[in-house]
Amino acid sequence: MWTFLRSRKAAAEPSAPESQPAARVDVARLLHQLEWTVLRRLDGQLQGDYRQLLRGNGLEFADLREYQPQDDVRHIDWLATARTQTLYVRTYQEERDMTAWLVVDLSGSVRFGSGERSKHDLALEVCAVLARLLTRRGNPVGLMLHRGGQRGIDRMVPPGSSRRHVLRLLHEMAHAPAVEVSEGTDFGAVLRDVAGRIQRRCTVMVVSDFISAPGWERPLSQLSQRHDLVAIRLRDPIEQALPALGVVPVQDAETHEILWLDSQDAGLRQRFAELAQSREARLHEVWVQAGVDCLEIDTQEPLDTAFLEFIRMRNPRLRARMGGTSG
């Protein structure tokens, strides 16, 4: 992930050592603010029904109904379909208690932000909302952190369900030190490590920008076959369109390699946009092939809006009640 440097002096400065902590964040204040803004609006819109956002780890067959657009094709009952010549899907009654894991990527590219809000800031807010949605209903939430490079999980916090536990998870994320690496992220190694650590079926929410060396797609698909997997992709506007800023230095956020680019070159900006569009198409193809629902959030996008759109997508009946399809 290439990031812009503000000046020639900034390009010459050494990277922060591994022992340097992240910027100080008052996680208690952040959580309180999100509870009064994002969570309050979600409660008002959805009356506390998040079953289609976060599915339980125990599923009991309840009934059959006709297939509807956006239904999970893995729930099609082929015997009933063959007998009636109409597509039918199985519906399930979910267990009340559900263990969830937040798998959070804090590699160099995630710590980037072109504006006041970095992708790391966004990840912290997303995890705060998700953790409180679950723990307020007694569902335990655990945390697995990856800080970059070819390693797997760097830090693991067992599941808990109290508000104090949520503050602990946020503190771990906010103050996790950056690491000094000379290679890009291998997110496939992270996902394989996660699969080896979780024994019982649960909900796994992977929070990342998914900027990685190739090869993570198959581990993602394998993880989704065993667990209810939700991908939460963090984006920054500058990753989609290169601004015309003249000759500027850019630095790889993970390997720290520096290049100078003439961003006034219209051809360069066009090639950048085409590469970005190609990557978008490839990522969407990965989500479909793996059967994974993906919540994509921009650093300039309100959290409540993103969550509402995602829940509409996961729940066809709610989407119809709230006014049409999303996006």
Protein backbone atom coordinates (compact mmCIF):
# COMPACT_ATOMS: atom_id res chain seq x y z
CA MET A 1 0.00 0.00 0.00
CA TRP A 2 1.63 3.24 -1.17
CA THR A 3 0.96 6.33 0.95
CA PHE A 4 1.75 9.99 0.27
CA LEU A 5 4.52 11.71 2.18
CA ARG A 6 4.07 15.37 2.99
CA SER A 7 7.56 16.54 2.11
CA ARG A 8 11.05 15.50 1.13
CA LYS A 9 12.00 15.74 4.80
CA ALA A 10 9.24 13.29 5.75
CA ALA A 11 10.49 10.86 3.12
CA ALA A 12 13.92 10.88 4.68
CA GLU A 13 12.73 10.26 8.23
CA PRO A 14 13.22 6.72 9.56
CA SER A 15 10.18 4.56 10.29
CA ALA A 16 8.96 4.24 13.85
CA PRO A 17 10.56 1.37 15.79
CA GLU A 18 8.43 -1.55 16.95
CA SER A 19 8.46 -0.37 20.55
CA GLN A 20 6.83 2.97 19.72
CA PRO A 21 3.19 2.92 20.90
CA ALA A 22 0.27 4.06 18.85
CA ALA A 23 -1.24 7.49 19.42
CA ARG A 24 -3.10 7.77 22.71
CA VAL A 25 -6.84 7.17 22.36
CA ASP A 26 -9.44 7.56 25.10
CA VAL A 27 -11.35 4.35 24.35
CA ALA A 28 -13.91 4.92 27.13
CA ARG A 29 -14.86 8.28 25.63
CA LEU A 30 -14.96 6.80 22.11
CA LEU A 31 -17.24 3.96 23.18
CA HIS A 32 -19.56 6.32 25.04
CA GLN A 33 -19.79 8.57 21.98
CA LEU A 34 -20.61 5.64 19.66
CA GLU A 35 -23.25 4.32 22.07
CA TRP A 36 -25.05 7.68 21.94
CA THR A 37 -24.76 8.14 18.18
CA VAL A 38 -24.35 5.03 16.03
CA LEU A 39 -25.80 2.39 18.39
CA ARG A 40 -28.70 4.60 19.38
CA ARG A 41 -29.71 5.10 15.76
CA LEU A 42 -29.35 1.39 14.95
CA ASP A 43 -31.62 0.55 17.90
CA GLY A 44 -34.18 3.07 16.67
CA GLN A 45 -34.19 1.77 13.11
CA LEU A 46 -33.98 -1.96 13.77
CA GLN A 47 -35.66 -2.36 17.17
CA GLY A 48 -32.63 -4.34 18.35
CA ASP A 49 -33.02 -7.16 15.80
CA TYR A 50 -29.51 -7.99 14.56
CA ARG A 51 -30.07 -11.66 13.84
CA GLN A 52 -29.42 -11.24 10.13
CA LEU A 53 -26.24 -9.27 10.77
CA LEU A 54 -24.68 -11.75 13.20
CA ARG A 55 -25.92 -15.32 12.99
CA GLY A 56 -25.71 -17.74 15.90
CA ASN A 57 -23.25 -20.61 16.11
CA GLY A 58 -26.00 -23.13 16.76
CA LEU A 59 -28.72 -23.57 14.10
CA GLU A 60 -31.85 -25.71 14.46
CA PHE A 61 -34.01 -26.46 11.41
CA ALA A 62 -37.31 -24.58 11.67
CA ASP A 63 -39.21 -24.61 8.35
CA LEU A 64 -39.13 -24.42 4.55
CA ARG A 65 -40.09 -21.40 2.47
CA GLU A 66 -39.79 -20.37 -1.17
CA TYR A 67 -36.44 -18.97 -2.27
CA GLN A 68 -36.14 -15.17 -2.39
CA PRO A 69 -33.43 -13.01 -4.03
CA GLN A 70 -30.39 -12.56 -1.75
CA ASP A 71 -31.09 -15.84 0.12
CA ASP A 72 -27.99 -17.93 0.82
CA VAL A 73 -27.86 -20.63 -1.88
CA ARG A 74 -26.24 -22.98 0.65
CA HIS A 75 -29.63 -23.15 2.41
CA ILE A 76 -31.52 -24.47 -0.64
CA ASP A 77 -33.33 -27.74 0.14
CA TRP A 78 -32.72 -29.72 -3.03
CA LEU A 79 -35.05 -32.60 -2.11
CA ALA A 80 -38.02 -30.27 -1.61
CA THR A 81 -37.05 -28.35 -4.75
CA ALA A 82 -36.94 -31.52 -6.86
CA ARG A 83 -40.26 -32.72 -5.43
CA THR A 84 -42.16 -29.47 -6.05
CA GLN A 85 -40.20 -28.01 -8.99
CA THR A 86 -39.97 -24.79 -6.96
CA LEU A 87 -36.87 -23.49 -5.21
CA TYR A 88 -37.17 -23.88 -1.42
CA VAL A 89 -34.73 -22.86 1.30
CA ARG A 90 -34.40 -24.09 4.85
CA THR A 91 -34.92 -21.61 7.67
CA TYR A 92 -33.27 -22.04 11.02
CA GLN A 93 -33.88 -21.07 14.62
CA GLU A 94 -30.69 -19.60 16.05
CA GLU A 95 -29.34 -20.27 19.50
CA ARG A 96 -29.38 -17.24 21.76
CA ASP A 97 -25.75 -17.44 22.82
CA MET A 98 -23.15 -16.88 20.12
CA THR A 99 -19.41 -16.55 20.40
CA ALA A 100 -17.86 -14.05 18.00
CA TRP A 101 -14.25 -13.28 17.15
CA LEU A 102 -12.96 -9.98 15.82
CA VAL A 103 -9.95 -10.69 13.60
CA VAL A 104 -8.34 -7.29 13.10
CA ASP A 105 -5.58 -6.38 10.65
CA LEU A 106 -3.37 -3.58 12.00
CA SER A 107 -0.63 -3.83 9.38
CA GLY A 108 1.05 -0.76 7.93
CA SER A 109 -1.51 -0.17 5.18
CA VAL A 110 -4.37 -0.09 7.72
CA ARG A 111 -2.62 2.67 9.69
CA PHE A 112 -2.85 4.95 6.64
CA GLY A 113 -5.37 7.77 6.24
CA SER A 114 -5.51 10.57 3.68
CA GLY A 115 -7.78 12.67 5.92
CA GLU A 116 -8.41 13.16 9.62
CA ARG A 117 -9.71 9.60 10.02
CA SER A 118 -7.32 6.75 9.26
CA LYS A 119 -8.33 3.19 8.47
CA HIS A 120 -7.02 2.27 11.91
CA ASP A 121 -9.41 4.81 13.47
CA LEU A 122 -12.23 3.34 11.40
CA ALA A 123 -11.35 -0.21 12.47
CA LEU A 124 -11.50 0.86 16.12
CA GLU A 125 -14.96 2.39 15.66
CA VAL A 126 -16.29 -0.61 13.72
CA CYS A 127 -15.09 -3.06 16.36
CA ALA A 128 -16.55 -0.92 19.16
CA VAL A 129 -19.99 -0.99 17.51
CA LEU A 130 -19.88 -4.72 16.73
CA ALA A 131 -18.65 -5.66 20.21
CA ARG A 132 -21.38 -3.67 21.94
CA LEU A 133 -24.10 -4.99 19.63
CA LEU A 134 -23.15 -8.48 20.79
CA THR A 135 -22.18 -8.05 24.42
CA ARG A 136 -25.34 -6.07 25.27
CA ARG A 137 -27.19 -9.32 24.51
CA GLY A 138 -24.82 -11.47 26.52
CA ASN A 139 -22.85 -12.82 23.57
CA PRO A 140 -19.10 -13.19 24.26
CA VAL A 141 -16.63 -11.50 21.91
CA GLY A 142 -12.92 -12.24 21.54
CA LEU A 143 -10.12 -10.48 19.68
CA MET A 144 -7.25 -11.59 17.45
CA LEU A 145 -4.76 -8.94 16.28
CA HIS A 146 -2.34 -9.06 13.37
CA ARG A 147 0.27 -6.28 13.16
CA GLY A 148 1.78 -6.95 9.73
CA GLY A 149 4.40 -8.92 7.84
CA GLN A 150 4.51 -12.66 7.24
CA ARG A 151 3.46 -13.58 10.78
CA GLY A 152 0.02 -14.77 11.85
CA ILE A 153 -1.86 -13.60 14.94
CA ASP A 154 0.23 -11.43 17.29
CA ARG A 155 -2.22 -10.97 20.16
CA MET A 156 -5.30 -12.92 21.28
CA VAL A 157 -7.84 -11.91 23.94
CA PRO A 158 -10.33 -14.64 25.00
CA PRO A 159 -14.07 -13.92 24.62
CA GLY A 160 -15.95 -11.95 27.26
CA SER A 161 -19.30 -10.21 27.44
CA SER A 162 -19.02 -7.24 29.82
CA ARG A 163 -18.68 -3.58 28.92
CA ARG A 164 -15.33 -3.56 30.71
CA HIS A 165 -14.25 -6.41 28.44
CA VAL A 166 -15.16 -4.34 25.36
CA LEU A 167 -13.02 -1.49 26.68
CA ARG A 168 -10.14 -3.94 27.07
CA LEU A 169 -10.50 -5.06 23.44
CA LEU A 170 -10.52 -1.46 22.24
CA HIS A 171 -7.49 -0.63 24.38
CA GLU A 172 -5.57 -3.54 22.85
CA MET A 173 -6.37 -2.24 19.37
CA ALA A 174 -5.75 1.43 20.09
CA HIS A 175 -2.37 0.92 21.73
CA ALA A 176 -0.96 -1.98 19.72
CA PRO A 177 2.54 -0.85 18.63
CA ALA A 178 3.43 -0.78 14.96
CA VAL A 179 6.00 -3.29 13.77
CA GLU A 180 9.10 -2.79 11.68
CA VAL A 181 8.83 -5.11 8.66
CA SER A 182 10.59 -5.34 5.33
CA GLU A 183 7.94 -7.36 3.50
CA GLY A 184 4.25 -7.00 2.70
CA THR A 185 1.40 -8.60 4.61
CA ASP A 186 0.63 -12.29 4.08
CA PHE A 187 -3.03 -12.34 5.07
CA GLY A 188 -3.35 -15.97 4.03
CA ALA A 189 -1.07 -16.90 6.95
CA VAL A 190 -3.30 -14.87 9.26
CA LEU A 191 -6.47 -16.68 8.16
CA ARG A 192 -4.84 -20.10 8.44
CA ASP A 193 -3.70 -19.21 11.95
CA VAL A 194 -7.24 -18.13 12.86
CA ALA A 195 -8.68 -21.40 11.55
CA GLY A 196 -6.27 -23.37 13.71
CA ARG A 197 -7.17 -21.44 16.88
CA ILE A 198 -10.99 -21.69 16.69
CA GLN A 199 -12.38 -25.16 17.32
CA ARG A 200 -16.13 -24.61 17.73
CA ARG A 201 -18.34 -23.07 15.05
CA CYS A 202 -18.85 -19.34 15.70
CA THR A 203 -19.07 -15.97 14.00
CA VAL A 204 -15.79 -14.58 12.66
CA MET A 205 -15.61 -10.91 11.62
CA VAL A 206 -12.46 -10.13 9.65
CA VAL A 207 -11.63 -6.41 9.73
CA SER A 208 -8.99 -5.47 7.14
CA ASP A 209 -8.28 -3.48 3.99
CA PHE A 210 -7.36 -6.83 2.36
CA ILE A 211 -4.16 -5.38 0.89
CA SER A 212 -1.94 -8.44 0.95
CA ALA A 213 0.30 -10.74 -1.00
CA PRO A 214 -1.72 -13.14 -3.21
CA GLY A 215 -2.97 -16.42 -1.80
CA TRP A 216 -5.40 -15.37 0.95
CA GLU A 217 -8.53 -16.16 -1.06
CA ARG A 218 -8.52 -19.93 -0.48
CA PRO A 219 -7.98 -19.69 3.32
CA LEU A 220 -10.86 -17.19 3.44
CA SER A 221 -13.15 -19.61 1.61
CA GLN A 222 -12.12 -22.50 3.87
CA LEU A 223 -12.78 -20.42 6.98
CA SER A 224 -16.25 -19.46 5.70
CA GLN A 225 -17.18 -23.12 5.20
CA ARG A 226 -16.80 -23.78 8.91
CA HIS A 227 -17.92 -20.49 10.46
CA ASP A 228 -20.34 -17.65 9.80
CA LEU A 229 -17.79 -15.29 8.28
CA VAL A 230 -18.29 -11.57 7.71
CA ALA A 231 -15.62 -9.56 5.89
CA ILE A 232 -15.37 -5.89 6.87
CA ARG A 233 -13.25 -4.01 4.37
CA LEU A 234 -11.70 -0.67 5.27
CA ARG A 235 -11.19 1.81 2.44
CA ASP A 236 -9.69 5.27 1.94
CA PRO A 237 -10.83 7.53 -0.95
CA ILE A 238 -7.28 8.06 -2.20
CA GLU A 239 -7.04 4.32 -2.95
CA GLN A 240 -9.63 4.74 -5.72
CA ALA A 241 -8.43 7.94 -7.42
CA LEU A 242 -4.98 9.55 -7.51
CA PRO A 243 -5.23 13.31 -6.82
CA ALA A 244 -3.32 15.80 -8.97
CA LEU A 245 -0.74 17.11 -6.47
CA GLY A 246 2.28 17.55 -8.71
CA VAL A 247 5.52 15.60 -8.13
CA VAL A 248 5.08 13.87 -4.77
CA PRO A 249 6.91 11.16 -2.81
CA VAL A 250 4.95 8.03 -1.96
CA GLN A 251 6.04 5.32 0.45
CA ASP A 252 5.00 1.70 0.75
CA ALA A 253 3.39 1.56 4.19
CA GLU A 254 4.76 -1.92 4.85
CA THR A 255 8.14 -2.22 3.11
CA HIS A 256 8.90 1.55 3.40
CA GLU A 257 10.15 1.73 -0.22
CA ILE A 258 9.90 5.30 -1.57
CA LEU A 259 8.99 6.42 -5.09
CA TRP A 260 8.50 9.87 -6.64
CA LEU A 261 5.41 10.25 -8.86
CA ASP A 262 4.22 12.99 -11.17
CA SER A 263 0.57 12.98 -10.16
CA GLN A 264 -0.18 15.73 -12.71
CA ASP A 265 0.28 13.12 -15.44
CA ALA A 266 -3.25 12.34 -16.67
CA GLY A 267 -2.10 9.01 -18.10
CA LEU A 268 -0.68 7.95 -14.74
CA ARG A 269 -3.91 8.86 -12.97
CA GLN A 270 -5.91 6.93 -15.56
CA ARG A 271 -3.78 3.80 -15.11
CA PHE A 272 -4.10 4.16 -11.34
CA ALA A 273 -7.91 4.32 -11.64
CA GLU A 274 -7.99 1.29 -13.94
CA LEU A 275 -5.88 -0.75 -11.51
CA ALA A 276 -8.16 0.30 -8.65
CA GLN A 277 -11.26 -0.75 -10.61
CA SER A 278 -9.66 -4.09 -11.48
CA ARG A 279 -8.87 -4.73 -7.82
CA GLU A 280 -12.45 -3.84 -6.83
CA ALA A 281 -13.85 -6.32 -9.33
CA ARG A 282 -11.48 -9.02 -8.14
CA LEU A 283 -12.38 -8.52 -4.48
CA HIS A 284 -16.11 -8.70 -5.22
CA GLU A 285 -15.49 -11.91 -7.14
CA VAL A 286 -13.68 -13.35 -4.11
CA TRP A 287 -16.62 -12.53 -1.79
CA VAL A 288 -19.07 -14.25 -4.13
CA GLN A 289 -16.95 -17.35 -4.65
CA ALA A 290 -16.34 -17.75 -0.90
CA GLY A 291 -20.01 -17.13 -0.02
CA VAL A 292 -18.97 -14.27 2.26
CA ASP A 293 -21.00 -11.13 2.94
CA CYS A 294 -18.79 -8.04 2.92
CA LEU A 295 -19.38 -4.73 4.67
CA GLU A 296 -17.26 -2.09 2.89
CA ILE A 297 -16.73 1.15 4.82
CA ASP A 298 -14.97 4.30 3.64
CA THR A 299 -13.05 6.49 6.09
CA GLN A 300 -15.32 9.40 5.12
CA GLU A 301 -18.57 7.42 5.49
CA PRO A 302 -20.87 7.57 8.57
CA LEU A 303 -20.86 4.27 10.45
CA ASP A 304 -24.61 4.09 11.01
CA THR A 305 -25.33 4.48 7.29
CA ALA A 306 -22.90 1.70 6.39
CA PHE A 307 -24.32 -0.70 8.99
CA LEU A 308 -27.92 -0.05 7.97
CA GLU A 309 -27.15 -0.74 4.31
CA PHE A 310 -25.31 -3.93 5.23
CA ILE A 311 -28.16 -5.22 7.41
CA ARG A 312 -30.62 -4.53 4.60
CA MET A 313 -28.46 -6.62 2.31
CA ARG A 314 -28.30 -9.51 4.81
CA ASN A 315 -32.05 -9.48 5.48
CA PRO A 316 -34.39 -9.35 2.42
CA ARG A 317 -37.53 -8.84 4.53
CA LEU A 318 -35.97 -5.94 6.44
CA ARG A 319 -34.75 -4.44 3.16
CA ALA A 320 -38.30 -4.46 1.79
CA ARG A 321 -39.72 -2.95 4.99
CA MET A 322 -37.13 -0.15 5.06
CA GLY A 323 -37.64 0.85 1.44
CA GLY A 324 -36.13 -1.04 -1.45
CA THR A 325 -32.77 -2.58 -2.16
CA SER A 326 -29.42 -1.11 -1.29
CA GLY A 327 -26.89 0.33 -3.69
